[in-house]
Amino acid sequence: MKEKDKVIISSLVMLLAILWLGFAFHRSPRFAGSFWGGMLAVTGSFLMLIPLFYSFIKRIKVLRNWAKPYMSMRTMLAWHIYAGVIGPILVLLHTGHKFESVLGISVTAMTLIVVFSGFIGRYLLSSIGKEMKEKKAQLKELRAHYETTLSELRANPEAASAIKPFAGFFRRIYGSFLSSDTPITANQAIGYRAMKLAESIADLEYAITSHETLKNAFKKWLKLHITISMILYVLMALHVWASIHFGIRWFS
């Protein structure tokens, strides 16, 4: 997600949260069944179906091959994200903050859960991916420096033995407080540099492993997000059926 898109989507999600909290200050019992309330419901519901179509196209090869000449997956993902936020905003406006029926409350609550979980997951996944890419690049650079320093140590046995003063847990802590003005020999400087590079590499490897763990955890989150989205669509279908069954007052 580009930075500009991230700002826009974040603002829309915040707007959705504010609109939901508006029930404490405003309620219009008849707006949901009015003409404009109905138009908001139809438009919002249509937009909320776009993420469902995207999920099918992304996972079904035949549909994906059919759609590629007309629209790239990146563009479809953008439609998925924007429609997945703007649609719920319109649907929430359609309610007029009238949350009385169990079905209506369930649809509203599930809509908010789907949007917020999708936004948080998408934001964190993109952040994790970006950080992992940067850390792997840093790790590659540090390993190159470390190999160069090891070559110096192999070529100079005295430098290798000079690292002993920094061996051990407490001595390494002491070494970390050494400043550039601390008098050490040239051989000690090589050994000290090798030690610091090794520690930095270990820290980066641990960070990358942690990020991989989070990434795997978010794969499970994705399955959960899809599951609750399917539940939302079922509830939406029931809500539409109930509206038709009990009479639509949009043109009254």
C-alpha atoms as a PDB file:
ATOM      1  CA  MET A   1       0.000   0.000   0.000  1.00  0.00           C
ATOM      2  CA  LYS A   2       1.441   3.365  -1.058  1.00  0.00           C
ATOM      3  CA  GLU A   3       1.895   6.042   1.583  1.00  0.00           C
ATOM      4  CA  LYS A   4      -0.778   8.286   0.021  1.00  0.00           C
ATOM      5  CA  ASP A   5      -3.269   5.415  -0.138  1.00  0.00           C
ATOM      6  CA  LYS A   6      -2.418   4.450   3.429  1.00  0.00           C
ATOM      7  CA  VAL A   7      -3.256   7.959   4.661  1.00  0.00           C
ATOM      8  CA  ILE A   8      -6.557   8.011   2.745  1.00  0.00           C
ATOM      9  CA  ILE A   9      -7.619   4.555   3.940  1.00  0.00           C
ATOM     10  CA  SER A  10      -6.600   5.376   7.525  1.00  0.00           C
ATOM     11  CA  SER A  11      -8.734   8.536   7.379  1.00  0.00           C
ATOM     12  CA  LEU A  12     -11.718   6.578   6.021  1.00  0.00           C
ATOM     13  CA  VAL A  13     -11.389   3.943   8.755  1.00  0.00           C
ATOM     14  CA  MET A  14     -11.290   6.705  11.381  1.00  0.00           C
ATOM     15  CA  LEU A  15     -14.403   8.221   9.787  1.00  0.00           C
ATOM     16  CA  LEU A  16     -16.139   4.851  10.021  1.00  0.00           C
ATOM     17  CA  ALA A  17     -15.289   4.626  13.727  1.00  0.00           C
ATOM     18  CA  ILE A  18     -16.609   8.144  14.335  1.00  0.00           C
ATOM     19  CA  LEU A  19     -19.812   7.484  12.399  1.00  0.00           C
ATOM     20  CA  TRP A  20     -20.479   4.342  14.421  1.00  0.00           C
ATOM     21  CA  LEU A  21     -20.083   6.274  17.675  1.00  0.00           C
ATOM     22  CA  GLY A  22     -22.632   8.778  16.400  1.00  0.00           C
ATOM     23  CA  PHE A  23     -25.524   6.604  17.655  1.00  0.00           C
ATOM     24  CA  ALA A  24     -24.983   8.193  21.088  1.00  0.00           C
ATOM     25  CA  PHE A  25     -25.877  11.631  19.659  1.00  0.00           C
ATOM     26  CA  HIS A  26     -28.183  11.011  16.691  1.00  0.00           C
ATOM     27  CA  ARG A  27     -30.933   8.553  15.765  1.00  0.00           C
ATOM     28  CA  SER A  28     -33.310   8.633  12.809  1.00  0.00           C
ATOM     29  CA  PRO A  29     -35.743   5.668  13.050  1.00  0.00           C
ATOM     30  CA  ARG A  30     -37.283   6.191   9.585  1.00  0.00           C
ATOM     31  CA  PHE A  31     -34.178   7.076   7.551  1.00  0.00           C
ATOM     32  CA  ALA A  32     -33.125   3.455   6.880  1.00  0.00           C
ATOM     33  CA  GLY A  33     -36.441   2.788   5.126  1.00  0.00           C
ATOM     34  CA  SER A  34     -36.509   6.066   3.200  1.00  0.00           C
ATOM     35  CA  PHE A  35     -35.528   6.542  -0.461  1.00  0.00           C
ATOM     36  CA  TRP A  36     -32.075   7.977   0.300  1.00  0.00           C
ATOM     37  CA  GLY A  37     -31.497   5.464   3.069  1.00  0.00           C
ATOM     38  CA  GLY A  38     -32.328   2.697   0.593  1.00  0.00           C
ATOM     39  CA  MET A  39     -29.978   4.149  -2.052  1.00  0.00           C
ATOM     40  CA  LEU A  40     -27.157   4.254   0.472  1.00  0.00           C
ATOM     41  CA  ALA A  41     -27.901   0.630   1.390  1.00  0.00           C
ATOM     42  CA  VAL A  42     -27.875  -0.564  -2.240  1.00  0.00           C
ATOM     43  CA  THR A  43     -24.727   1.389  -3.170  1.00  0.00           C
ATOM     44  CA  GLY A  44     -22.886   0.373  -0.004  1.00  0.00           C
ATOM     45  CA  SER A  45     -23.865  -3.286  -0.388  1.00  0.00           C
ATOM     46  CA  PHE A  46     -22.710  -3.294  -4.021  1.00  0.00           C
ATOM     47  CA  LEU A  47     -19.324  -1.862  -3.002  1.00  0.00           C
ATOM     48  CA  MET A  48     -19.026  -4.447  -0.227  1.00  0.00           C
ATOM     49  CA  LEU A  49     -19.456  -7.208  -2.817  1.00  0.00           C
ATOM     50  CA  ILE A  50     -16.314  -6.061  -4.691  1.00  0.00           C
ATOM     51  CA  PRO A  51     -13.959  -7.602  -2.070  1.00  0.00           C
ATOM     52  CA  LEU A  52     -15.860 -10.887  -2.484  1.00  0.00           C
ATOM     53  CA  PHE A  53     -15.326 -10.814  -6.260  1.00  0.00           C
ATOM     54  CA  TYR A  54     -11.648  -9.989  -5.706  1.00  0.00           C
ATOM     55  CA  SER A  55     -11.251 -12.997  -3.399  1.00  0.00           C
ATOM     56  CA  PHE A  56     -12.763 -15.291  -6.038  1.00  0.00           C
ATOM     57  CA  ILE A  57     -10.622 -13.844  -8.851  1.00  0.00           C
ATOM     58  CA  LYS A  58      -7.448 -14.055  -6.763  1.00  0.00           C
ATOM     59  CA  ARG A  59      -7.959 -17.725  -5.824  1.00  0.00           C
ATOM     60  CA  ILE A  60      -9.621 -19.170  -8.951  1.00  0.00           C
ATOM     61  CA  LYS A  61      -7.120 -19.495 -11.791  1.00  0.00           C
ATOM     62  CA  VAL A  62      -9.723 -19.394 -14.588  1.00  0.00           C
ATOM     63  CA  LEU A  63     -11.186 -16.120 -13.291  1.00  0.00           C
ATOM     64  CA  ARG A  64      -7.716 -14.679 -12.682  1.00  0.00           C
ATOM     65  CA  ASN A  65      -6.609 -15.400 -16.269  1.00  0.00           C
ATOM     66  CA  TRP A  66      -9.847 -13.918 -17.576  1.00  0.00           C
ATOM     67  CA  ALA A  67      -9.495 -10.691 -15.553  1.00  0.00           C
ATOM     68  CA  LYS A  68      -5.768 -10.028 -16.136  1.00  0.00           C
ATOM     69  CA  PRO A  69      -6.136  -8.465 -19.640  1.00  0.00           C
ATOM     70  CA  TYR A  70      -8.634  -5.961 -18.258  1.00  0.00           C
ATOM     71  CA  MET A  71      -7.187  -5.105 -14.853  1.00  0.00           C
ATOM     72  CA  SER A  72      -4.002  -5.926 -12.946  1.00  0.00           C
ATOM     73  CA  MET A  73      -4.143  -7.673  -9.576  1.00  0.00           C
ATOM     74  CA  ARG A  74      -2.623  -4.563  -7.969  1.00  0.00           C
ATOM     75  CA  THR A  75      -5.483  -2.428  -9.314  1.00  0.00           C
ATOM     76  CA  MET A  76      -8.040  -5.000  -8.172  1.00  0.00           C
ATOM     77  CA  LEU A  77      -6.448  -5.001  -4.725  1.00  0.00           C
ATOM     78  CA  ALA A  78      -6.823  -1.201  -4.602  1.00  0.00           C
ATOM     79  CA  TRP A  79     -10.507  -1.569  -5.519  1.00  0.00           C
ATOM     80  CA  HIS A  80     -10.828  -4.259  -2.856  1.00  0.00           C
ATOM     81  CA  ILE A  81      -9.380  -1.972  -0.164  1.00  0.00           C
ATOM     82  CA  TYR A  82     -11.268   1.212  -1.085  1.00  0.00           C
ATOM     83  CA  ALA A  83     -14.610  -0.520  -1.708  1.00  0.00           C
ATOM     84  CA  GLY A  84     -14.142  -2.503   1.506  1.00  0.00           C
ATOM     85  CA  VAL A  85     -14.047   0.750   3.490  1.00  0.00           C
ATOM     86  CA  ILE A  86     -16.335   3.116   1.555  1.00  0.00           C
ATOM     87  CA  GLY A  87     -19.099   0.482   1.273  1.00  0.00           C
ATOM     88  CA  PRO A  88     -19.408   0.007   5.057  1.00  0.00           C
ATOM     89  CA  ILE A  89     -19.427   3.794   5.541  1.00  0.00           C
ATOM     90  CA  LEU A  90     -22.448   4.114   3.214  1.00  0.00           C
ATOM     91  CA  VAL A  91     -24.169   1.147   4.871  1.00  0.00           C
ATOM     92  CA  LEU A  92     -23.595   2.667   8.301  1.00  0.00           C
ATOM     93  CA  LEU A  93     -25.080   5.976   7.111  1.00  0.00           C
ATOM     94  CA  HIS A  94     -28.068   3.999   5.795  1.00  0.00           C
ATOM     95  CA  THR A  95     -28.891   2.793   9.331  1.00  0.00           C
ATOM     96  CA  GLY A  96     -29.610   6.304  10.586  1.00  0.00           C
ATOM     97  CA  HIS A  97     -28.029   5.025  13.826  1.00  0.00           C
ATOM     98  CA  LYS A  98     -31.110   2.911  14.458  1.00  0.00           C
ATOM     99  CA  PHE A  99     -29.748  -0.286  16.030  1.00  0.00           C
ATOM    100  CA  GLU A 100     -32.789  -2.146  17.318  1.00  0.00           C
ATOM    101  CA  SER A 101     -33.123  -5.532  15.601  1.00  0.00           C
ATOM    102  CA  VAL A 102     -30.729  -8.352  16.457  1.00  0.00           C
ATOM    103  CA  LEU A 103     -30.010  -8.916  12.764  1.00  0.00           C
ATOM    104  CA  GLY A 104     -29.279  -5.226  12.120  1.00  0.00           C
ATOM    105  CA  ILE A 105     -26.958  -5.017  15.119  1.00  0.00           C
ATOM    106  CA  SER A 106     -25.206  -8.226  14.028  1.00  0.00           C
ATOM    107  CA  VAL A 107     -24.647  -6.916  10.493  1.00  0.00           C
ATOM    108  CA  THR A 108     -23.304  -3.610  11.808  1.00  0.00           C
ATOM    109  CA  ALA A 109     -21.008  -5.241  14.366  1.00  0.00           C
ATOM    110  CA  MET A 110     -19.650  -7.784  11.879  1.00  0.00           C
ATOM    111  CA  THR A 111     -19.086  -5.036   9.305  1.00  0.00           C
ATOM    112  CA  LEU A 112     -16.963  -3.069  11.766  1.00  0.00           C
ATOM    113  CA  ILE A 113     -15.011  -6.190  12.769  1.00  0.00           C
ATOM    114  CA  VAL A 114     -14.275  -7.085   9.139  1.00  0.00           C
ATOM    115  CA  VAL A 115     -13.140  -3.558   8.238  1.00  0.00           C
ATOM    116  CA  PHE A 116     -10.956  -3.033  11.315  1.00  0.00           C
ATOM    117  CA  SER A 117      -9.418  -6.506  11.149  1.00  0.00           C
ATOM    118  CA  GLY A 118      -8.737  -6.070   7.444  1.00  0.00           C
ATOM    119  CA  PHE A 119      -7.164  -2.658   7.926  1.00  0.00           C
ATOM    120  CA  ILE A 120      -4.964  -3.698  10.845  1.00  0.00           C
ATOM    121  CA  GLY A 121      -3.890  -6.915   9.163  1.00  0.00           C
ATOM    122  CA  ARG A 122      -3.133  -5.234   5.845  1.00  0.00           C
ATOM    123  CA  TYR A 123      -1.167  -2.420   7.512  1.00  0.00           C
ATOM    124  CA  LEU A 124       0.866  -4.753   9.720  1.00  0.00           C
ATOM    125  CA  LEU A 125       1.549  -7.207   6.915  1.00  0.00           C
ATOM    126  CA  SER A 126       2.883  -4.464   4.634  1.00  0.00           C
ATOM    127  CA  SER A 127       4.974  -3.017   7.488  1.00  0.00           C
ATOM    128  CA  ILE A 128       6.392  -6.439   8.373  1.00  0.00           C
ATOM    129  CA  GLY A 129       7.236  -7.142   4.730  1.00  0.00           C
ATOM    130  CA  LYS A 130       9.001  -3.802   4.352  1.00  0.00           C
ATOM    131  CA  GLU A 131      10.969  -4.226   7.583  1.00  0.00           C
ATOM    132  CA  MET A 132      12.003  -7.767   6.664  1.00  0.00           C
ATOM    133  CA  LYS A 133      13.276  -6.592   3.297  1.00  0.00           C
ATOM    134  CA  GLU A 134      15.338  -3.830   4.935  1.00  0.00           C
ATOM    135  CA  LYS A 135      16.709  -6.134   7.644  1.00  0.00           C
ATOM    136  CA  LYS A 136      17.707  -8.810   5.126  1.00  0.00           C
ATOM    137  CA  ALA A 137      19.591  -6.174   3.121  1.00  0.00           C
ATOM    138  CA  GLN A 138      21.364  -5.010   6.309  1.00  0.00           C
ATOM    139  CA  LEU A 139      22.160  -8.625   7.227  1.00  0.00           C
ATOM    140  CA  LYS A 140      23.736  -9.240   3.821  1.00  0.00           C
ATOM    141  CA  GLU A 141      25.893  -6.131   4.209  1.00  0.00           C
ATOM    142  CA  LEU A 142      26.966  -7.023   7.762  1.00  0.00           C
ATOM    143  CA  ARG A 143      27.890 -10.555   6.732  1.00  0.00           C
ATOM    144  CA  ALA A 144      30.085  -9.176   3.953  1.00  0.00           C
ATOM    145  CA  HIS A 145      31.881  -6.921   6.490  1.00  0.00           C
ATOM    146  CA  TYR A 146      32.161  -9.853   8.878  1.00  0.00           C
ATOM    147  CA  GLU A 147      33.779 -12.071   6.236  1.00  0.00           C
ATOM    148  CA  THR A 148      36.278  -9.313   5.475  1.00  0.00           C
ATOM    149  CA  THR A 149      37.102  -8.966   9.182  1.00  0.00           C
ATOM    150  CA  LEU A 150      37.494 -12.750   9.540  1.00  0.00           C
ATOM    151  CA  SER A 151      39.969 -12.699   6.669  1.00  0.00           C
ATOM    152  CA  GLU A 152      41.978 -10.091   8.581  1.00  0.00           C
ATOM    153  CA  LEU A 153      41.885 -12.251  11.720  1.00  0.00           C
ATOM    154  CA  ARG A 154      43.029 -15.349   9.828  1.00  0.00           C
ATOM    155  CA  ALA A 155      45.891 -13.407   8.284  1.00  0.00           C
ATOM    156  CA  ASN A 156      46.896 -11.992  11.679  1.00  0.00           C
ATOM    157  CA  PRO A 157      46.921 -14.555  14.533  1.00  0.00           C
ATOM    158  CA  GLU A 158      47.886 -11.830  17.003  1.00  0.00           C
ATOM    159  CA  ALA A 159      44.665  -9.993  16.213  1.00  0.00           C
ATOM    160  CA  ALA A 160      42.700 -13.185  16.840  1.00  0.00           C
ATOM    161  CA  SER A 161      44.280 -13.615  20.267  1.00  0.00           C
ATOM    162  CA  ALA A 162      43.648  -9.950  21.063  1.00  0.00           C
ATOM    163  CA  ILE A 163      39.903 -10.569  21.119  1.00  0.00           C
ATOM    164  CA  LYS A 164      40.230 -12.569  24.350  1.00  0.00           C
ATOM    165  CA  PRO A 165      39.989  -9.495  26.613  1.00  0.00           C
ATOM    166  CA  PHE A 166      36.422  -9.061  25.315  1.00  0.00           C
ATOM    167  CA  ALA A 167      35.402 -12.717  25.723  1.00  0.00           C
ATOM    168  CA  GLY A 168      32.698 -13.541  28.261  1.00  0.00           C
ATOM    169  CA  PHE A 169      29.348 -11.939  29.036  1.00  0.00           C
ATOM    170  CA  PHE A 170      30.488  -9.197  31.432  1.00  0.00           C
ATOM    171  CA  ARG A 171      33.564  -8.328  29.388  1.00  0.00           C
ATOM    172  CA  ARG A 172      31.386  -7.901  26.300  1.00  0.00           C
ATOM    173  CA  ILE A 173      29.178  -5.536  28.284  1.00  0.00           C
ATOM    174  CA  TYR A 174      32.291  -3.629  29.285  1.00  0.00           C
ATOM    175  CA  GLY A 175      33.415  -3.585  25.662  1.00  0.00           C
ATOM    176  CA  SER A 176      30.126  -2.071  24.571  1.00  0.00           C
ATOM    177  CA  PHE A 177      30.864   0.989  26.705  1.00  0.00           C
ATOM    178  CA  LEU A 178      34.249   1.575  25.095  1.00  0.00           C
ATOM    179  CA  SER A 179      34.339   4.868  23.290  1.00  0.00           C
ATOM    180  CA  SER A 180      36.409   5.824  20.284  1.00  0.00           C
ATOM    181  CA  ASP A 181      38.831   7.557  22.656  1.00  0.00           C
ATOM    182  CA  THR A 182      39.535   4.385  24.665  1.00  0.00           C
ATOM    183  CA  PRO A 183      43.162   3.341  24.023  1.00  0.00           C
ATOM    184  CA  ILE A 184      43.257  -0.124  22.409  1.00  0.00           C
ATOM    185  CA  THR A 185      45.783  -1.748  20.110  1.00  0.00           C
ATOM    186  CA  ALA A 186      45.248  -2.191  16.377  1.00  0.00           C
ATOM    187  CA  ASN A 187      44.913  -5.943  16.865  1.00  0.00           C
ATOM    188  CA  GLN A 188      42.302  -5.440  19.594  1.00  0.00           C
ATOM    189  CA  ALA A 189      40.396  -3.084  17.290  1.00  0.00           C
ATOM    190  CA  ILE A 190      40.092  -5.836  14.651  1.00  0.00           C
ATOM    191  CA  GLY A 191      38.930  -8.358  17.233  1.00  0.00           C
ATOM    192  CA  TYR A 192      36.513  -5.896  18.788  1.00  0.00           C
ATOM    193  CA  ARG A 193      35.078  -5.096  15.361  1.00  0.00           C
ATOM    194  CA  ALA A 194      34.584  -8.809  14.642  1.00  0.00           C
ATOM    195  CA  MET A 195      32.781  -9.252  17.976  1.00  0.00           C
ATOM    196  CA  LYS A 196      30.434  -6.302  17.377  1.00  0.00           C
ATOM    197  CA  LEU A 197      29.645  -7.490  13.847  1.00  0.00           C
ATOM    198  CA  ALA A 198      28.852 -10.975  15.153  1.00  0.00           C
ATOM    199  CA  GLU A 199      26.496  -9.506  17.782  1.00  0.00           C
ATOM    200  CA  SER A 200      24.799  -7.284  15.207  1.00  0.00           C
ATOM    201  CA  ILE A 201      24.319 -10.245  12.862  1.00  0.00           C
ATOM    202  CA  ALA A 202      22.844 -12.316  15.696  1.00  0.00           C
ATOM    203  CA  ASP A 203      20.435  -9.491  16.599  1.00  0.00           C
ATOM    204  CA  LEU A 204      19.289  -9.114  12.990  1.00  0.00           C
ATOM    205  CA  GLU A 205      18.829 -12.857  12.540  1.00  0.00           C
ATOM    206  CA  TYR A 206      16.697 -12.943  15.694  1.00  0.00           C
ATOM    207  CA  ALA A 207      14.628  -9.982  14.454  1.00  0.00           C
ATOM    208  CA  ILE A 208      14.086 -11.634  11.060  1.00  0.00           C
ATOM    209  CA  THR A 209      13.051 -14.894  12.747  1.00  0.00           C
ATOM    210  CA  SER A 210      10.568 -12.961  14.909  1.00  0.00           C
ATOM    211  CA  HIS A 211       9.151 -11.252  11.834  1.00  0.00           C
ATOM    212  CA  GLU A 212       8.795 -14.619  10.101  1.00  0.00           C
ATOM    213  CA  THR A 213       6.851 -15.873  13.119  1.00  0.00           C
ATOM    214  CA  LEU A 214       4.535 -12.854  12.918  1.00  0.00           C
ATOM    215  CA  LYS A 215       4.117 -13.357   9.192  1.00  0.00           C
ATOM    216  CA  ASN A 216       3.075 -16.970   9.731  1.00  0.00           C
ATOM    217  CA  ALA A 217       0.659 -15.839  12.455  1.00  0.00           C
ATOM    218  CA  PHE A 218      -0.950 -13.379  10.039  1.00  0.00           C
ATOM    219  CA  LYS A 219      -1.501 -16.187   7.550  1.00  0.00           C
ATOM    220  CA  LYS A 220      -3.869 -17.604  10.177  1.00  0.00           C
ATOM    221  CA  TRP A 221      -5.315 -14.104  10.597  1.00  0.00           C
ATOM    222  CA  LEU A 222      -6.057 -14.041   6.860  1.00  0.00           C
ATOM    223  CA  LYS A 223      -8.071 -17.254   7.140  1.00  0.00           C
ATOM    224  CA  LEU A 224      -9.968 -15.764  10.092  1.00  0.00           C
ATOM    225  CA  HIS A 225     -10.607 -12.537   8.151  1.00  0.00           C
ATOM    226  CA  ILE A 226     -12.020 -14.514   5.216  1.00  0.00           C
ATOM    227  CA  THR A 227     -14.202 -16.556   7.571  1.00  0.00           C
ATOM    228  CA  ILE A 228     -15.759 -13.549   9.289  1.00  0.00           C
ATOM    229  CA  SER A 229     -16.205 -11.886   5.892  1.00  0.00           C
ATOM    230  CA  MET A 230     -18.242 -14.891   4.727  1.00  0.00           C
ATOM    231  CA  ILE A 231     -20.334 -14.656   7.901  1.00  0.00           C
ATOM    232  CA  LEU A 232     -20.913 -10.970   7.128  1.00  0.00           C
ATOM    233  CA  TYR A 233     -22.158 -11.764   3.613  1.00  0.00           C
ATOM    234  CA  VAL A 234     -24.582 -14.350   5.001  1.00  0.00           C
ATOM    235  CA  LEU A 235     -25.915 -11.797   7.495  1.00  0.00           C
ATOM    236  CA  MET A 236     -26.208  -9.200   4.718  1.00  0.00           C
ATOM    237  CA  ALA A 237     -28.231 -11.647   2.615  1.00  0.00           C
ATOM    238  CA  LEU A 238     -30.545 -12.333   5.552  1.00  0.00           C
ATOM    239  CA  HIS A 239     -30.915  -8.583   6.154  1.00  0.00           C
ATOM    240  CA  VAL A 240     -31.856  -7.979   2.502  1.00  0.00           C
ATOM    241  CA  TRP A 241     -34.337 -10.879   2.605  1.00  0.00           C
ATOM    242  CA  ALA A 242     -35.908  -9.500   5.803  1.00  0.00           C
ATOM    243  CA  SER A 243     -36.222  -6.038   4.239  1.00  0.00           C
ATOM    244  CA  ILE A 244     -38.007  -7.462   1.209  1.00  0.00           C
ATOM    245  CA  HIS A 245     -40.129  -9.859   3.238  1.00  0.00           C
ATOM    246  CA  PHE A 246     -41.389  -7.242   5.659  1.00  0.00           C
ATOM    247  CA  GLY A 247     -41.855  -4.586   2.998  1.00  0.00           C
ATOM    248  CA  ILE A 248     -39.608  -1.909   1.521  1.00  0.00           C
ATOM    249  CA  ARG A 249     -40.605   1.712   2.139  1.00  0.00           C
ATOM    250  CA  TRP A 250     -37.931   3.344  -0.042  1.00  0.00           C
ATOM    251  CA  PHE A 251     -40.406   5.022  -2.366  1.00  0.00           C
ATOM    252  CA  SER A 252     -43.013   5.885   0.255  1.00  0.00           C
END
